Amino acid sequence: MAIYAIGDVQGCYTPLQELLTRLHFDPARDRLWFTGDLVNRGPQSLEVLRFVKGLGACAVCVLGNHDLHLLAVAAGTAKTKKRDTLDEILRAPDRDELLHWLRSRPLLYHDSDLGYTLIHAGLLPPWDLAQAQRLAQETEAVLRSDRHQEFFHHMYGDLPDHWNENLRGFDRLRVIVNAFTRLRYCDLDGNMDLRPKGPPGSQPPDLLPWFRVPGRRSRGLKIVFGHWSALGLWQGDGIIGLDSGCLWGRTLSAVRLDADPVEFFSVDCEPYQSSHAA
């Protein structure tokens, strides 16, 4: 059995199939971890969603910001954006089944035997694994409940920009979701700045990548994440970044986590969104 983590697919179904062929993936034997953002901006989001759902127990996928955006649009609490490619899913005869499955995905997945934690974007510096698991489960319970539509109505926004255990209601949930699905940079006090999207070195001088903040309580934890295409493939201090920019004409990447040392694999991608890149 092999366990592979795969970076943000974002509707790029053909490169995904090419990557799985290169991996000699066997669903009867192997397991796949997806870093989230299965959908949006790419040409075949419906095919990707159907395929990953169809893998059943041999695939784990955490929620990304584009997945949550799809769910909010479907709930009628958000509008599509200029470069969104969600219409095919929203018109599909099996949309309700697909969206229910997606809404049931976790924000965090931890494998205690393998020793890896899977998230989409980041962990706030004050969070250790136990706290991150508790906060993920707290938010997942709302997403899976009858309150999910109300939550999506309040999901968008950059504030509050820091964690406080005394936060309540939708402010509390928004901080949790923003950390798990949008985080790139923090200041030394652990306050999020969700505006910069460039690679390390391009950010304002008072900010650091979330995984470089001194005193981060999840230091020592082996973490796999996506979300940050400008960062590209990244490995260091137990952290693996896997969003290598397939959507923008770079590569779709995977890492075999049960190998020692871990092994990386990539396939080239067509630049579906490159003419619109910002």
Protein backbone atom coordinates (compact mmCIF):
# COMPACT_ATOMS: atom_id res chain seq x y z
CA MET A 1 0.00 0.00 0.00
CA ALA A 2 1.16 3.52 -0.80
CA ILE A 3 -0.18 6.81 0.60
CA TYR A 4 0.06 9.82 -1.70
CA ALA A 5 -0.91 13.42 -0.96
CA ILE A 6 -1.91 15.50 -3.99
CA GLY A 7 -1.91 19.30 -4.28
CA ASP A 8 -4.78 21.58 -5.33
CA VAL A 9 -6.53 20.10 -8.38
CA GLN A 10 -9.05 22.94 -8.97
CA GLY A 11 -10.94 21.21 -11.74
CA CYS A 12 -7.86 20.02 -13.67
CA TYR A 13 -9.15 16.49 -14.24
CA THR A 14 -6.85 15.48 -17.11
CA PRO A 15 -3.60 16.24 -15.25
CA LEU A 16 -5.00 14.41 -12.22
CA GLN A 17 -5.53 11.28 -14.27
CA GLU A 18 -2.05 11.63 -15.79
CA LEU A 19 -0.56 11.95 -12.32
CA LEU A 20 -2.42 8.87 -11.05
CA THR A 21 -1.17 6.91 -14.05
CA ARG A 22 2.38 7.94 -13.25
CA LEU A 23 1.85 6.83 -9.64
CA HIS A 24 0.45 3.47 -10.79
CA PHE A 25 -2.39 4.22 -8.42
CA ASP A 26 -4.50 1.21 -7.47
CA PRO A 27 -7.65 2.07 -5.49
CA ALA A 28 -7.75 -1.44 -4.09
CA ARG A 29 -4.34 -0.96 -2.54
CA ASP A 30 -3.33 2.70 -2.31
CA ARG A 31 -4.69 5.78 -0.53
CA LEU A 32 -4.93 9.38 -1.71
CA TRP A 33 -4.93 12.56 0.38
CA PHE A 34 -6.14 15.75 -1.32
CA THR A 35 -5.15 19.16 0.06
CA GLY A 36 -8.52 20.71 -0.84
CA ASP A 37 -9.71 23.01 -3.62
CA LEU A 38 -10.88 20.12 -5.75
CA VAL A 39 -12.94 22.57 -7.76
CA ASN A 40 -13.06 25.98 -9.45
CA ARG A 41 -11.07 27.97 -11.98
CA GLY A 42 -10.16 24.82 -13.94
CA PRO A 43 -12.11 23.28 -16.85
CA GLN A 44 -13.51 20.05 -15.35
CA SER A 45 -14.58 20.65 -11.77
CA LEU A 46 -17.61 18.36 -12.09
CA GLU A 47 -15.49 15.46 -13.31
CA VAL A 48 -12.99 15.95 -10.48
CA LEU A 49 -15.71 16.09 -7.84
CA ARG A 50 -17.42 12.96 -9.14
CA PHE A 51 -14.13 11.09 -9.41
CA VAL A 52 -12.85 11.84 -5.91
CA LYS A 53 -16.25 11.15 -4.36
CA GLY A 54 -16.31 7.86 -6.22
CA LEU A 55 -13.02 6.79 -4.67
CA GLY A 56 -14.84 6.25 -1.38
CA ALA A 57 -12.76 5.26 1.61
CA CYS A 58 -9.47 5.19 -0.31
CA ALA A 59 -9.45 9.01 -0.56
CA VAL A 60 -9.31 11.75 2.07
CA CYS A 61 -9.97 15.36 1.11
CA VAL A 62 -9.94 18.43 3.35
CA LEU A 63 -11.99 21.50 2.51
CA GLY A 64 -10.35 24.42 0.72
CA ASN A 65 -11.53 27.98 0.21
CA HIS A 66 -12.77 27.27 -3.33
CA ASP A 67 -14.74 24.25 -2.09
CA LEU A 68 -16.40 26.42 0.54
CA HIS A 69 -17.08 29.10 -2.07
CA LEU A 70 -18.91 26.54 -4.22
CA LEU A 71 -21.02 25.51 -1.23
CA ALA A 72 -21.84 29.14 -0.42
CA VAL A 73 -22.85 29.85 -4.03
CA ALA A 74 -25.01 26.72 -4.08
CA ALA A 75 -26.65 27.84 -0.81
CA GLY A 76 -27.51 31.19 -2.37
CA THR A 77 -25.40 33.21 0.07
CA ALA A 78 -22.60 34.16 -2.36
CA LYS A 79 -22.33 35.10 -6.02
CA THR A 80 -20.02 33.57 -8.58
CA LYS A 81 -16.87 35.51 -9.43
CA LYS A 82 -15.47 36.39 -12.85
CA ARG A 83 -13.09 33.41 -13.18
CA ASP A 84 -15.29 30.82 -11.44
CA THR A 85 -16.04 27.60 -13.31
CA LEU A 86 -18.81 26.22 -11.11
CA ASP A 87 -21.86 26.32 -13.39
CA GLU A 88 -21.50 22.73 -14.58
CA ILE A 89 -21.66 21.46 -11.00
CA LEU A 90 -24.59 23.71 -10.13
CA ARG A 91 -26.57 22.39 -13.13
CA ALA A 92 -25.62 18.73 -12.66
CA PRO A 93 -28.43 16.22 -11.96
CA ASP A 94 -26.40 14.85 -9.05
CA ARG A 95 -25.48 18.27 -7.62
CA ASP A 96 -27.23 17.77 -4.28
CA GLU A 97 -25.47 14.47 -3.67
CA LEU A 98 -22.10 15.94 -4.64
CA LEU A 99 -22.55 19.07 -2.53
CA HIS A 100 -23.69 17.07 0.50
CA TRP A 101 -20.58 14.92 0.18
CA LEU A 102 -18.34 17.97 -0.16
CA ARG A 103 -19.91 19.72 2.83
CA SER A 104 -19.14 16.62 4.90
CA ARG A 105 -15.39 16.79 4.26
CA PRO A 106 -13.11 17.70 7.20
CA LEU A 107 -11.03 20.83 7.69
CA LEU A 108 -8.20 18.80 9.21
CA TYR A 109 -7.19 15.17 8.93
CA HIS A 110 -4.56 13.58 11.18
CA ASP A 111 -3.10 10.09 10.77
CA SER A 112 -1.51 9.12 14.06
CA ASP A 113 0.13 6.02 12.60
CA LEU A 114 1.75 7.89 9.71
CA GLY A 115 2.34 11.00 11.81
CA TYR A 116 1.11 13.49 9.19
CA THR A 117 -1.58 16.15 9.42
CA LEU A 118 -3.44 17.30 6.29
CA ILE A 119 -4.88 20.83 5.99
CA HIS A 120 -5.61 23.19 3.11
CA ALA A 121 -3.84 26.41 4.11
CA GLY A 122 -2.38 26.79 7.59
CA LEU A 123 -2.50 26.60 11.37
CA LEU A 124 -2.42 29.70 13.54
CA PRO A 125 0.74 29.92 15.70
CA PRO A 126 -1.15 29.57 19.04
CA TRP A 127 -2.70 26.23 18.00
CA ASP A 128 -1.21 22.87 18.81
CA LEU A 129 -2.59 19.72 17.21
CA ALA A 130 -5.16 18.98 19.92
CA GLN A 131 -6.59 22.50 19.78
CA ALA A 132 -6.61 22.53 15.97
CA GLN A 133 -8.47 19.22 15.93
CA ARG A 134 -11.02 20.50 18.44
CA LEU A 135 -11.64 23.73 16.52
CA ALA A 136 -11.88 21.89 13.19
CA GLN A 137 -14.47 19.51 14.62
CA GLU A 138 -16.42 22.41 16.13
CA THR A 139 -16.69 24.08 12.72
CA GLU A 140 -17.33 20.85 10.83
CA ALA A 141 -20.33 20.20 13.09
CA VAL A 142 -21.87 23.50 11.97
CA LEU A 143 -21.10 22.84 8.29
CA ARG A 144 -22.83 19.47 8.50
CA SER A 145 -25.86 20.78 10.38
CA ASP A 146 -29.01 22.66 9.41
CA ARG A 147 -27.12 25.87 10.29
CA HIS A 148 -24.76 25.62 7.33
CA GLN A 149 -26.66 28.09 5.17
CA GLU A 150 -26.61 30.67 7.97
CA PHE A 151 -22.91 30.05 8.42
CA PHE A 152 -22.18 30.64 4.73
CA HIS A 153 -24.01 33.96 4.96
CA HIS A 154 -21.45 35.06 7.61
CA MET A 155 -18.37 33.23 6.33
CA TYR A 156 -16.75 35.95 4.21
CA GLY A 157 -14.50 38.60 5.75
CA ASP A 158 -10.95 39.07 7.05
CA LEU A 159 -11.85 39.98 10.63
CA PRO A 160 -11.24 39.04 13.36
CA ASP A 161 -7.62 38.55 12.29
CA HIS A 162 -6.35 36.67 15.35
CA TRP A 163 -7.38 33.84 17.62
CA ASN A 164 -8.99 34.39 20.99
CA GLU A 165 -10.63 31.54 22.86
CA ASN A 166 -13.30 33.96 24.06
CA LEU A 167 -14.57 34.56 20.53
CA ARG A 168 -18.12 33.35 20.00
CA GLY A 169 -20.60 32.86 17.20
CA PHE A 170 -19.72 33.52 13.60
CA ASP A 171 -16.65 35.63 14.46
CA ARG A 172 -15.17 32.52 16.08
CA LEU A 173 -16.05 30.28 13.15
CA ARG A 174 -14.74 32.81 10.60
CA VAL A 175 -11.31 32.92 12.25
CA ILE A 176 -11.14 29.12 12.27
CA VAL A 177 -12.17 28.79 8.64
CA ASN A 178 -9.86 31.58 7.48
CA ALA A 179 -6.90 29.91 9.18
CA PHE A 180 -7.58 26.46 7.79
CA THR A 181 -8.47 27.58 4.26
CA ARG A 182 -6.93 31.02 3.52
CA LEU A 183 -3.87 31.57 5.71
CA ARG A 184 -0.45 32.40 4.24
CA TYR A 185 1.15 35.11 6.39
CA CYS A 186 1.08 36.16 10.05
CA ASP A 187 2.89 38.78 12.07
CA LEU A 188 5.03 37.87 15.08
CA ASP A 189 1.98 38.04 17.35
CA GLY A 190 0.09 35.51 15.23
CA ASN A 191 -2.28 38.03 13.63
CA MET A 192 -3.35 36.98 10.13
CA ASP A 193 -2.88 39.17 7.08
CA LEU A 194 -4.87 37.52 4.30
CA ARG A 195 -3.99 40.06 1.59
CA PRO A 196 -0.46 39.10 0.46
CA LYS A 197 -0.40 36.11 -1.90
CA GLY A 198 3.12 36.22 -3.29
CA PRO A 199 6.07 33.98 -2.39
CA PRO A 200 8.11 34.46 0.78
CA GLY A 201 10.24 37.57 0.38
CA SER A 202 7.52 39.55 -1.39
CA GLN A 203 5.46 40.24 1.74
CA PRO A 204 5.60 43.33 3.98
CA PRO A 205 8.56 43.19 6.40
CA ASP A 206 6.43 42.65 9.50
CA LEU A 207 4.96 39.39 8.16
CA LEU A 208 6.22 35.82 8.01
CA PRO A 209 4.88 32.63 6.42
CA TRP A 210 2.66 31.03 9.03
CA PHE A 211 5.02 28.07 9.37
CA ARG A 212 8.00 30.36 10.07
CA VAL A 213 6.50 32.29 12.99
CA PRO A 214 8.71 31.82 16.09
CA GLY A 215 7.03 29.94 18.89
CA ARG A 216 4.48 28.25 16.62
CA ARG A 217 2.92 25.59 18.85
CA SER A 218 2.52 23.11 16.00
CA ARG A 219 6.30 23.07 15.43
CA GLY A 220 7.45 19.47 15.30
CA LEU A 221 4.20 18.38 13.66
CA LYS A 222 4.47 16.97 10.15
CA ILE A 223 2.00 18.98 8.05
CA VAL A 224 0.91 18.71 4.41
CA PHE A 225 -0.92 21.67 2.88
CA GLY A 226 -1.80 23.34 -0.43
CA HIS A 227 -3.44 26.69 -1.22
CA TRP A 228 -0.25 28.69 -1.90
CA SER A 229 0.59 28.34 -5.59
CA ALA A 230 3.15 31.17 -5.45
CA LEU A 231 5.05 29.17 -2.82
CA GLY A 232 5.10 26.09 -5.05
CA LEU A 233 6.55 22.81 -3.86
CA TRP A 234 8.06 23.43 -0.43
CA GLN A 235 9.64 21.15 2.14
CA GLY A 236 11.30 22.01 5.42
CA ASP A 237 10.92 21.55 9.18
CA GLY A 238 8.39 18.78 8.65
CA ILE A 239 6.21 21.01 6.44
CA ILE A 240 5.28 20.03 2.87
CA GLY A 241 3.57 22.54 0.56
CA LEU A 242 2.00 20.89 -2.47
CA ASP A 243 0.22 23.55 -4.54
CA SER A 244 2.56 23.73 -7.53
CA GLY A 245 0.29 25.81 -9.75
CA CYS A 246 -1.36 23.32 -12.10
CA LEU A 247 -4.10 25.81 -12.86
CA TRP A 248 -1.55 28.38 -14.04
CA GLY A 249 0.28 26.04 -16.41
CA ARG A 250 2.95 24.71 -14.06
CA THR A 251 2.57 21.26 -12.51
CA LEU A 252 0.26 19.05 -10.45
CA SER A 253 2.26 17.38 -7.71
CA ALA A 254 2.06 14.48 -5.31
CA VAL A 255 4.21 13.20 -2.49
CA ARG A 256 4.43 9.64 -1.22
CA LEU A 257 4.17 10.02 2.52
CA ASP A 258 4.88 6.45 3.58
CA ALA A 259 8.31 6.45 1.90
CA ASP A 260 11.51 7.32 3.76
CA PRO A 261 12.54 9.79 2.54
CA VAL A 262 9.30 11.03 1.01
CA GLU A 263 9.13 10.92 -2.81
CA PHE A 264 7.75 13.72 -5.02
CA PHE A 265 6.03 13.31 -8.39
CA SER A 266 4.76 15.94 -10.83
CA VAL A 267 3.08 16.19 -14.24
CA ASP A 268 3.00 19.23 -16.50
CA CYS A 269 -0.26 21.17 -16.86
CA GLU A 270 -1.82 23.37 -19.50
CA PRO A 271 -2.21 27.05 -18.47
CA TYR A 272 -5.98 27.19 -18.19
CA GLN A 273 -6.02 30.49 -16.28
CA SER A 274 -2.62 31.98 -17.14
CA SER A 275 -4.01 34.75 -19.33
CA HIS A 276 -6.02 36.00 -16.35
CA ALA A 277 -3.43 35.47 -13.63
CA ALA A 278 -2.99 38.26 -11.11
